[in-house]
């Protein structure tokens, strides 16, 4: 049920239907907005909580534009839904609606090949990279690659289709894997940057072109997962050196200025290489998956989701500043190591007091799949510790919880 205070009621169109939209719908309803969700999967959970559902593919930007015109929407978002970002930017530009940036800026940010070229042309630190359409072209260039290399789709998120390749013999298989997950069929091959410490994948917010909220975290992976490049856990605050965070913050502001970005939420991946250089790896004008904005709201008391909704419909956002964390926070992305039937989530009794929130998306008897991408997650655990040592202890040892699968 939507709130009934605003007349006439503003309409917000959300692209996608995954569980990550539920807090967005909740905040929108608190603001008295009428929420329409849109994708081609009518059984998705978010459609059960919105005020209206439209069955339209979110990658068909003209079909979404037609639907948006028919509905008379006041705003559009593709929160935690990477495939819909370019469509959202396109619709917003055509209809004169609020959005973080232009359609062209969105198209640059959402295509890894174009983004790498933009960074290179503007003097940012960039791994050596080239995008391709035809596998034969990449194979003919392979003699000049500095192994290892990373092969990935130019337009996919959640680490789907990503492979590290250590020698030319494995390149074609990795290319075919990447193309299978690409919407446009293109792929990128780039230099593997060995990171110093942990990479960061977290959410930030700009207001009128100024980066007001800039966060960094620690991204952890499960080396035993089917896809070892899919994030399996996060920790805040980051242990990245202060100088590197300051340098990245400055470079992110420069990027925002160069692209003419305005007000909005971004999911941003950065890292510090062992070569001493800082890198902006990904910037997407959307909230991140894995509930990142929600956890940041708990950890640093700034409601990023609410501000994202407000900005989408042109309402003033609440004042923001860089996060100050109330303790040491971790988020575990619950997943299965194999295909099977979910039976139970078991947590060691001594950890129960640290668990702030348990969000399980499956119930006993549901089928689960091995962790090959972010879309195979089965829930999250959010925990708060008083000391860095306790947080590190339990991040390094995952034996304190188990996902039981038959």
Protein backbone atom coordinates (compact mmCIF):
# COMPACT_ATOMS: atom_id res chain seq x y z
CA UNK A 1 0.00 0.00 0.00
CA UNK A 2 1.34 3.46 -0.83
CA UNK A 3 1.18 6.47 1.43
CA UNK A 4 -1.67 8.83 0.63
CA UNK A 5 -0.41 12.25 1.67
CA UNK A 6 0.76 13.84 -1.59
CA UNK A 7 -1.67 15.31 -4.16
CA UNK A 8 -1.21 14.90 -7.00
CA UNK A 9 0.78 11.76 -6.25
CA UNK A 10 4.19 11.70 -7.97
CA UNK A 11 4.97 8.55 -9.95
CA UNK A 12 8.29 6.72 -9.77
CA UNK A 13 9.19 4.05 -12.34
CA UNK A 14 11.64 1.42 -11.08
CA UNK A 15 13.42 -0.79 -13.61
CA UNK A 16 13.87 -4.38 -12.49
CA UNK A 17 12.16 -6.46 -9.85
CA UNK A 18 14.78 -8.02 -7.55
CA UNK A 19 14.73 -7.93 -3.75
CA UNK A 20 17.17 -4.99 -3.76
CA UNK A 21 14.26 -2.76 -4.78
CA UNK A 22 12.24 -3.44 -1.63
CA UNK A 23 13.86 -0.70 0.49
CA UNK A 24 13.52 1.71 -2.45
CA UNK A 25 9.80 0.98 -2.66
CA UNK A 26 9.48 1.39 1.10
CA UNK A 27 11.19 4.80 1.07
CA UNK A 28 9.15 5.90 -1.95
CA UNK A 29 5.92 5.00 -0.19
CA UNK A 30 7.03 6.96 2.89
CA UNK A 31 7.32 9.97 0.59
CA UNK A 32 3.84 9.42 -0.77
CA UNK A 33 5.00 8.28 -4.22
CA UNK A 34 3.14 5.92 -6.52
CA UNK A 35 5.59 3.18 -7.54
CA UNK A 36 5.54 1.26 -10.81
CA UNK A 37 7.97 -1.61 -11.34
CA UNK A 38 8.91 -2.79 -14.80
CA UNK A 39 10.68 -5.81 -16.31
CA UNK A 40 9.84 -8.97 -18.26
CA UNK A 41 9.65 -11.27 -15.20
CA UNK A 42 6.22 -10.90 -13.57
CA UNK A 43 7.07 -13.24 -10.68
CA UNK A 44 9.91 -11.06 -9.37
CA UNK A 45 9.43 -10.14 -5.73
CA UNK A 46 9.46 -6.34 -6.07
CA UNK A 47 6.30 -6.44 -8.19
CA UNK A 48 4.40 -7.75 -5.18
CA UNK A 49 5.25 -4.56 -3.26
CA UNK A 50 4.87 -1.88 -5.93
CA UNK A 51 1.57 -0.16 -6.77
CA UNK A 52 1.66 -1.27 -10.39
CA UNK A 53 3.65 -3.59 -12.64
CA UNK A 54 4.38 -3.30 -16.35
CA UNK A 55 5.78 -6.22 -18.36
CA UNK A 56 8.40 -4.47 -20.51
CA UNK A 57 12.04 -5.42 -21.06
CA UNK A 58 14.26 -2.90 -19.31
CA UNK A 59 16.91 -3.07 -22.06
CA UNK A 60 14.37 -1.96 -24.67
CA UNK A 61 14.77 1.75 -24.07
CA UNK A 62 12.14 2.88 -26.56
CA UNK A 63 9.54 0.50 -25.14
CA UNK A 64 10.30 1.79 -21.63
CA UNK A 65 10.09 5.36 -22.93
CA UNK A 66 6.66 4.65 -24.42
CA UNK A 67 5.50 3.14 -21.12
CA UNK A 68 6.91 6.09 -19.16
CA UNK A 69 5.06 8.57 -21.38
CA UNK A 70 1.83 6.63 -21.01
CA UNK A 71 2.19 6.56 -17.23
CA UNK A 72 3.17 10.22 -16.92
CA UNK A 73 6.04 9.44 -14.55
CA UNK A 74 7.92 12.01 -12.48
CA UNK A 75 11.11 9.98 -12.06
CA UNK A 76 12.91 6.81 -13.09
CA UNK A 77 15.51 4.66 -11.35
CA UNK A 78 17.48 1.51 -12.06
CA UNK A 79 18.57 0.88 -8.49
CA UNK A 80 20.98 -2.09 -8.11
CA UNK A 81 19.99 -3.11 -11.63
CA UNK A 82 22.85 -2.59 -14.04
CA UNK A 83 21.08 -3.52 -17.31
CA UNK A 84 18.53 -0.74 -16.87
CA UNK A 85 20.88 2.18 -16.20
CA UNK A 86 21.34 3.30 -19.81
CA UNK A 87 17.59 2.96 -20.38
CA UNK A 88 16.87 5.08 -17.30
CA UNK A 89 19.29 7.77 -18.50
CA UNK A 90 17.69 7.69 -21.96
CA UNK A 91 14.13 8.00 -20.69
CA UNK A 92 15.07 10.73 -18.21
CA UNK A 93 16.73 12.77 -20.95
CA UNK A 94 13.85 12.35 -23.39
CA UNK A 95 11.25 13.35 -20.81
CA UNK A 96 13.28 16.02 -19.01
CA UNK A 97 13.30 14.08 -15.74
CA UNK A 98 15.93 14.24 -13.00
CA UNK A 99 18.91 11.89 -13.41
CA UNK A 100 22.54 11.85 -12.29
CA UNK A 101 23.79 12.57 -15.81
CA UNK A 102 23.07 12.70 -19.50
CA UNK A 103 22.31 9.70 -21.68
CA UNK A 104 25.78 10.04 -23.21
CA UNK A 105 27.44 10.07 -19.77
CA UNK A 106 25.44 7.00 -18.76
CA UNK A 107 26.41 5.20 -21.96
CA UNK A 108 30.11 5.90 -21.28
CA UNK A 109 29.93 4.72 -17.68
CA UNK A 110 27.98 1.57 -18.50
CA UNK A 111 30.28 0.32 -21.26
CA UNK A 112 33.62 -0.86 -19.91
CA UNK A 113 35.36 -0.31 -23.24
CA UNK A 114 34.11 3.28 -23.61
CA UNK A 115 34.80 4.00 -19.95
CA UNK A 116 38.42 2.81 -20.20
CA UNK A 117 38.93 4.98 -23.30
CA UNK A 118 37.41 8.00 -21.54
CA UNK A 119 39.68 7.52 -18.52
CA UNK A 120 42.74 7.16 -20.75
CA UNK A 121 41.92 10.25 -22.81
CA UNK A 122 41.53 12.31 -19.64
CA UNK A 123 44.71 11.25 -17.88
CA UNK A 124 43.39 8.88 -15.21
CA UNK A 125 45.32 5.80 -14.10
CA UNK A 126 43.95 2.98 -16.26
CA UNK A 127 44.89 -0.68 -16.73
CA UNK A 128 45.88 -1.48 -20.30
CA UNK A 129 42.64 -2.53 -22.00
CA UNK A 130 40.94 -3.01 -25.35
CA UNK A 131 37.39 -3.97 -26.25
CA UNK A 132 36.40 -6.30 -29.07
CA UNK A 133 33.42 -7.67 -30.92
CA UNK A 134 35.13 -10.54 -32.77
CA UNK A 135 37.15 -13.21 -30.92
CA UNK A 136 39.54 -13.50 -33.88
CA UNK A 137 40.64 -9.88 -33.44
CA UNK A 138 41.47 -10.45 -29.78
CA UNK A 139 43.33 -13.67 -30.53
CA UNK A 140 45.43 -11.93 -33.16
CA UNK A 141 46.43 -9.31 -30.55
CA UNK A 142 47.22 -11.85 -27.84
CA UNK A 143 50.96 -11.96 -28.53
CA UNK A 144 51.16 -8.39 -27.22
CA UNK A 145 49.25 -9.00 -23.98
CA UNK A 146 50.99 -8.82 -20.61
CA UNK A 147 49.69 -11.91 -18.84
CA UNK A 148 47.68 -12.41 -16.71
CA UNK A 149 44.68 -10.63 -18.26
CA UNK A 150 41.04 -10.25 -17.26
CA UNK A 151 38.32 -10.99 -19.83
CA UNK A 152 34.80 -9.68 -19.19
CA UNK A 153 31.66 -8.46 -20.95
CA UNK A 154 31.61 -4.71 -21.61
CA UNK A 155 28.09 -4.35 -20.24
CA UNK A 156 27.52 -6.82 -17.44
CA UNK A 157 27.72 -6.44 -13.66
CA UNK A 158 27.87 -8.74 -10.65
CA UNK A 159 31.09 -10.35 -11.93
CA UNK A 160 29.10 -12.42 -14.42
CA UNK A 161 31.17 -13.63 -17.36
CA UNK A 162 34.51 -12.61 -15.81
CA UNK A 163 37.59 -14.82 -16.14
CA UNK A 164 41.27 -14.37 -15.31
CA UNK A 165 43.44 -15.75 -18.10
CA UNK A 166 47.08 -16.61 -17.42
CA UNK A 167 48.13 -17.82 -20.87
CA UNK A 168 47.00 -17.57 -24.52
CA UNK A 169 45.69 -21.14 -24.57
CA UNK A 170 42.77 -20.30 -22.27
CA UNK A 171 41.81 -17.06 -24.00
CA UNK A 172 39.16 -18.27 -26.46
CA UNK A 173 37.17 -20.10 -23.77
CA UNK A 174 37.20 -16.96 -21.60
CA UNK A 175 36.06 -14.82 -24.56
CA UNK A 176 33.15 -17.14 -25.32
CA UNK A 177 32.18 -17.06 -21.63
CA UNK A 178 32.23 -13.25 -21.59
CA UNK A 179 30.22 -12.92 -24.79
CA UNK A 180 27.55 -15.22 -23.36
CA UNK A 181 26.89 -12.63 -20.62
CA UNK A 182 27.08 -9.50 -22.78
CA UNK A 183 23.92 -7.74 -23.95
CA UNK A 184 25.63 -6.27 -27.01
CA UNK A 185 28.04 -9.17 -27.57
CA UNK A 186 31.23 -7.14 -26.99
CA UNK A 187 33.95 -8.00 -24.51
CA UNK A 188 37.00 -6.32 -23.02
CA UNK A 189 40.45 -7.70 -22.27
CA UNK A 190 42.43 -5.74 -19.71
CA UNK A 191 45.58 -5.92 -17.68
CA UNK A 192 45.21 -7.65 -14.32
CA UNK A 193 45.96 -5.10 -11.60
CA UNK A 194 47.39 -6.80 -8.52
CA UNK A 195 45.83 -4.92 -5.65
CA UNK A 196 47.41 -3.73 -2.45
CA UNK A 197 45.16 -4.77 0.41
CA UNK A 198 41.48 -4.90 -0.57
CA UNK A 199 39.59 -3.37 -3.46
CA UNK A 200 36.63 -1.13 -2.63
CA UNK A 201 33.09 -1.52 -4.00
CA UNK A 202 30.65 0.81 -2.31
CA UNK A 203 28.17 3.65 -2.86
CA UNK A 204 28.74 7.42 -3.14
CA UNK A 205 26.49 10.45 -3.74
CA UNK A 206 26.91 13.76 -5.56
CA UNK A 207 24.73 16.87 -5.23
CA UNK A 208 24.74 19.46 -8.01
CA UNK A 209 27.99 18.05 -9.35
CA UNK A 210 29.81 17.97 -6.00
CA UNK A 211 30.77 14.66 -4.39
CA UNK A 212 29.15 15.04 -0.98
CA UNK A 213 29.27 11.46 0.25
CA UNK A 214 32.29 9.30 -0.61
CA UNK A 215 32.74 5.91 1.02
CA UNK A 216 35.33 3.16 0.74
CA UNK A 217 35.07 -0.42 1.97
CA UNK A 218 36.90 -3.73 1.78
CA UNK A 219 35.69 -6.22 -0.79
CA UNK A 220 36.26 -9.87 0.12
CA UNK A 221 35.98 -12.95 -2.11
CA UNK A 222 35.44 -16.66 -1.68
CA UNK A 223 38.40 -18.35 -3.34
CA UNK A 224 36.48 -21.64 -3.38
CA UNK A 225 33.40 -20.23 -5.12
CA UNK A 226 32.45 -21.19 -8.64
CA UNK A 227 33.28 -17.59 -9.59
CA UNK A 228 36.09 -16.32 -7.33
CA UNK A 229 35.58 -12.76 -8.62
CA UNK A 230 32.07 -12.42 -7.21
CA UNK A 231 32.12 -10.37 -3.96
CA UNK A 232 31.33 -12.59 -0.99
CA UNK A 233 31.69 -10.08 1.86
CA UNK A 234 32.33 -6.42 2.66
CA UNK A 235 33.81 -4.52 5.59
CA UNK A 236 33.64 -0.86 6.68
CA UNK A 237 35.64 1.24 7.31
CA UNK A 238 38.28 0.52 4.71
CA UNK A 239 41.92 -0.07 5.59
CA UNK A 240 43.04 1.55 2.33
CA UNK A 241 45.66 4.19 3.22
CA UNK A 242 44.25 7.66 3.86
CA UNK A 243 46.38 9.19 1.09
CA UNK A 244 44.96 6.73 -1.46
CA UNK A 245 41.38 7.43 -0.37
CA UNK A 246 42.00 11.17 -0.66
CA UNK A 247 43.54 10.78 -4.11
CA UNK A 248 40.65 8.63 -5.31
CA UNK A 249 38.12 11.09 -3.89
CA UNK A 250 39.77 13.86 -5.88
CA UNK A 251 39.81 11.79 -9.06
CA UNK A 252 36.17 10.84 -8.61
CA UNK A 253 35.28 14.51 -8.30
CA UNK A 254 37.27 15.23 -11.47
CA UNK A 255 35.37 12.45 -13.26
CA UNK A 256 32.01 13.82 -12.10
CA UNK A 257 32.97 17.27 -13.38
CA UNK A 258 34.25 16.01 -16.75
CA UNK A 259 31.06 14.02 -17.37
CA UNK A 260 28.81 16.83 -16.22
CA UNK A 261 27.12 14.69 -13.58
CA UNK A 262 24.70 16.35 -11.18
CA UNK A 263 22.76 14.81 -8.29
CA UNK A 264 22.56 11.08 -7.75
CA UNK A 265 23.78 7.85 -6.22
CA UNK A 266 26.68 5.86 -7.69
CA UNK A 267 28.13 2.42 -7.18
CA UNK A 268 31.90 2.82 -7.43
CA UNK A 269 34.73 0.29 -7.49
CA UNK A 270 38.28 1.46 -6.80
CA UNK A 271 41.58 -0.09 -5.84
CA UNK A 272 45.19 0.63 -4.96
CA UNK A 273 47.67 -1.39 -7.01
CA UNK A 274 50.91 -2.89 -5.74
CA UNK A 275 52.53 -0.44 -8.17
CA UNK A 276 51.43 2.39 -5.88
CA UNK A 277 48.83 3.75 -8.31
CA UNK A 278 45.14 4.28 -7.52
CA UNK A 279 42.52 3.15 -10.02
CA UNK A 280 38.86 3.95 -10.62
CA UNK A 281 37.64 0.61 -11.94
CA UNK A 282 33.87 1.10 -12.27
CA UNK A 283 31.38 3.94 -11.79
CA UNK A 284 27.66 3.32 -12.34
CA UNK A 285 24.87 5.88 -11.69
CA UNK A 286 22.80 3.50 -9.56
CA UNK A 287 22.79 2.00 -6.10
CA UNK A 288 25.02 -1.05 -5.76
CA UNK A 289 23.71 -4.56 -5.38
CA UNK A 290 24.29 -6.59 -2.22
CA UNK A 291 22.40 -3.98 -0.15
CA UNK A 292 25.41 -1.64 0.04
CA UNK A 293 23.41 1.56 0.51
CA UNK A 294 21.31 -0.09 3.20
CA UNK A 295 24.35 -1.24 5.18
CA UNK A 296 25.98 2.18 4.84
CA UNK A 297 22.79 3.71 6.23
CA UNK A 298 23.12 1.45 9.28
CA UNK A 299 26.87 1.95 9.66
CA UNK A 300 27.08 5.70 9.15
CA UNK A 301 23.51 6.95 9.66
CA UNK A 302 22.93 8.59 6.26
CA UNK A 303 19.86 7.31 4.43
CA UNK A 304 21.27 6.94 0.92
CA UNK A 305 18.22 5.05 -0.35
CA UNK A 306 15.85 7.83 0.70
CA UNK A 307 18.09 10.46 -0.88
CA UNK A 308 18.29 8.44 -4.10
CA UNK A 309 14.49 8.31 -4.28
CA UNK A 310 14.19 12.03 -3.55
CA UNK A 311 16.71 12.93 -6.24
CA UNK A 312 14.91 10.72 -8.79
CA UNK A 313 11.70 12.76 -8.50
CA UNK A 314 13.33 16.15 -8.04
CA UNK A 315 12.83 16.54 -4.30
CA UNK A 316 15.57 18.18 -2.18
CA UNK A 317 17.93 15.62 -0.65
CA UNK A 318 18.96 15.61 2.98
CA UNK A 319 22.36 17.08 3.79
CA UNK A 320 25.22 14.60 3.49
CA UNK A 321 28.85 14.33 4.48
CA UNK A 322 31.46 11.61 4.18
CA UNK A 323 30.59 8.69 6.47
CA UNK A 324 31.72 8.41 10.07
CA UNK A 325 31.25 4.78 11.09
CA UNK A 326 29.71 3.72 14.39
CA UNK A 327 31.86 0.65 14.92
CA UNK A 328 33.28 -1.94 12.53
CA UNK A 329 30.75 -3.38 10.11
CA UNK A 330 30.73 -6.46 7.94
CA UNK A 331 28.26 -7.84 5.45
CA UNK A 332 28.39 -11.50 4.47
CA UNK A 333 26.83 -12.48 1.14
CA UNK A 334 25.25 -15.83 1.90
CA UNK A 335 25.72 -18.38 -0.86
CA UNK A 336 26.00 -22.06 -1.60
CA UNK A 337 29.10 -23.85 -2.79
CA UNK A 338 27.02 -26.23 -4.89
CA UNK A 339 23.65 -26.75 -6.53
CA UNK A 340 21.09 -28.37 -4.28
CA UNK A 341 18.17 -27.91 -1.89
CA UNK A 342 18.55 -25.36 0.89
CA UNK A 343 18.13 -26.85 4.34
CA UNK A 344 19.30 -24.32 6.95
CA UNK A 345 21.56 -21.42 7.88
CA UNK A 346 23.59 -22.19 11.00
CA UNK A 347 25.40 -19.47 12.97
CA UNK A 348 27.73 -20.09 15.92
CA UNK A 349 26.06 -18.97 19.18
CA UNK A 350 28.94 -16.63 20.09
CA UNK A 351 28.29 -14.61 16.92
CA UNK A 352 24.57 -14.07 17.44
CA UNK A 353 25.12 -10.91 19.49
CA UNK A 354 27.05 -9.29 16.61
CA UNK A 355 24.35 -9.95 14.02
CA UNK A 356 22.44 -6.74 13.34
CA UNK A 357 20.33 -8.09 10.53
CA UNK A 358 19.74 -11.48 8.94
CA UNK A 359 18.10 -11.31 5.52
CA UNK A 360 17.50 -14.77 4.07
CA UNK A 361 15.92 -14.98 0.62
CA UNK A 362 15.27 -18.71 0.54
CA UNK A 363 13.40 -21.12 2.78
CA UNK A 364 14.01 -24.81 3.52
CA UNK A 365 13.17 -26.85 0.44
CA UNK A 366 14.04 -24.14 -2.08
CA UNK A 367 16.51 -24.92 -4.85
CA UNK A 368 19.81 -23.01 -4.70
CA UNK A 369 22.66 -22.75 -7.18
CA UNK A 370 26.41 -22.55 -6.74
CA UNK A 371 27.90 -19.06 -6.46
CA UNK A 372 28.71 -18.20 -10.07
CA UNK A 373 27.58 -14.55 -9.87
CA UNK A 374 25.95 -12.00 -7.59
CA UNK A 375 22.52 -13.13 -8.76
CA UNK A 376 23.09 -16.52 -7.06
CA UNK A 377 23.27 -15.05 -3.55
CA UNK A 378 20.68 -16.39 -1.11
CA UNK A 379 20.77 -13.64 1.51
CA UNK A 380 22.96 -11.43 3.67
CA UNK A 381 24.19 -11.12 7.23
CA UNK A 382 25.03 -7.66 8.56
CA UNK A 383 27.21 -7.55 11.67
CA UNK A 384 28.67 -4.86 13.90
CA UNK A 385 31.80 -5.30 16.03
CA UNK A 386 33.34 -2.97 18.57
CA UNK A 387 36.91 -3.64 17.47
CA UNK A 388 38.73 -4.04 14.19
CA UNK A 389 40.36 -7.21 15.51
CA UNK A 390 37.01 -8.95 16.05
CA UNK A 391 35.78 -7.96 12.60
CA UNK A 392 38.96 -9.24 10.94
CA UNK A 393 38.87 -12.46 12.94
CA UNK A 394 35.45 -13.44 11.66
CA UNK A 395 36.03 -12.18 8.13
CA UNK A 396 39.12 -14.39 7.86
CA UNK A 397 37.39 -17.50 9.23
CA UNK A 398 34.03 -18.46 7.76
CA UNK A 399 33.65 -21.60 9.86
CA UNK A 400 31.36 -19.75 12.29
CA UNK A 401 28.45 -20.01 9.87
CA UNK A 402 27.33 -22.56 7.32
CA UNK A 403 24.74 -22.85 4.56
CA UNK A 404 23.41 -26.40 4.70
CA UNK A 405 22.42 -27.77 1.28
CA UNK A 406 21.25 -31.26 0.40
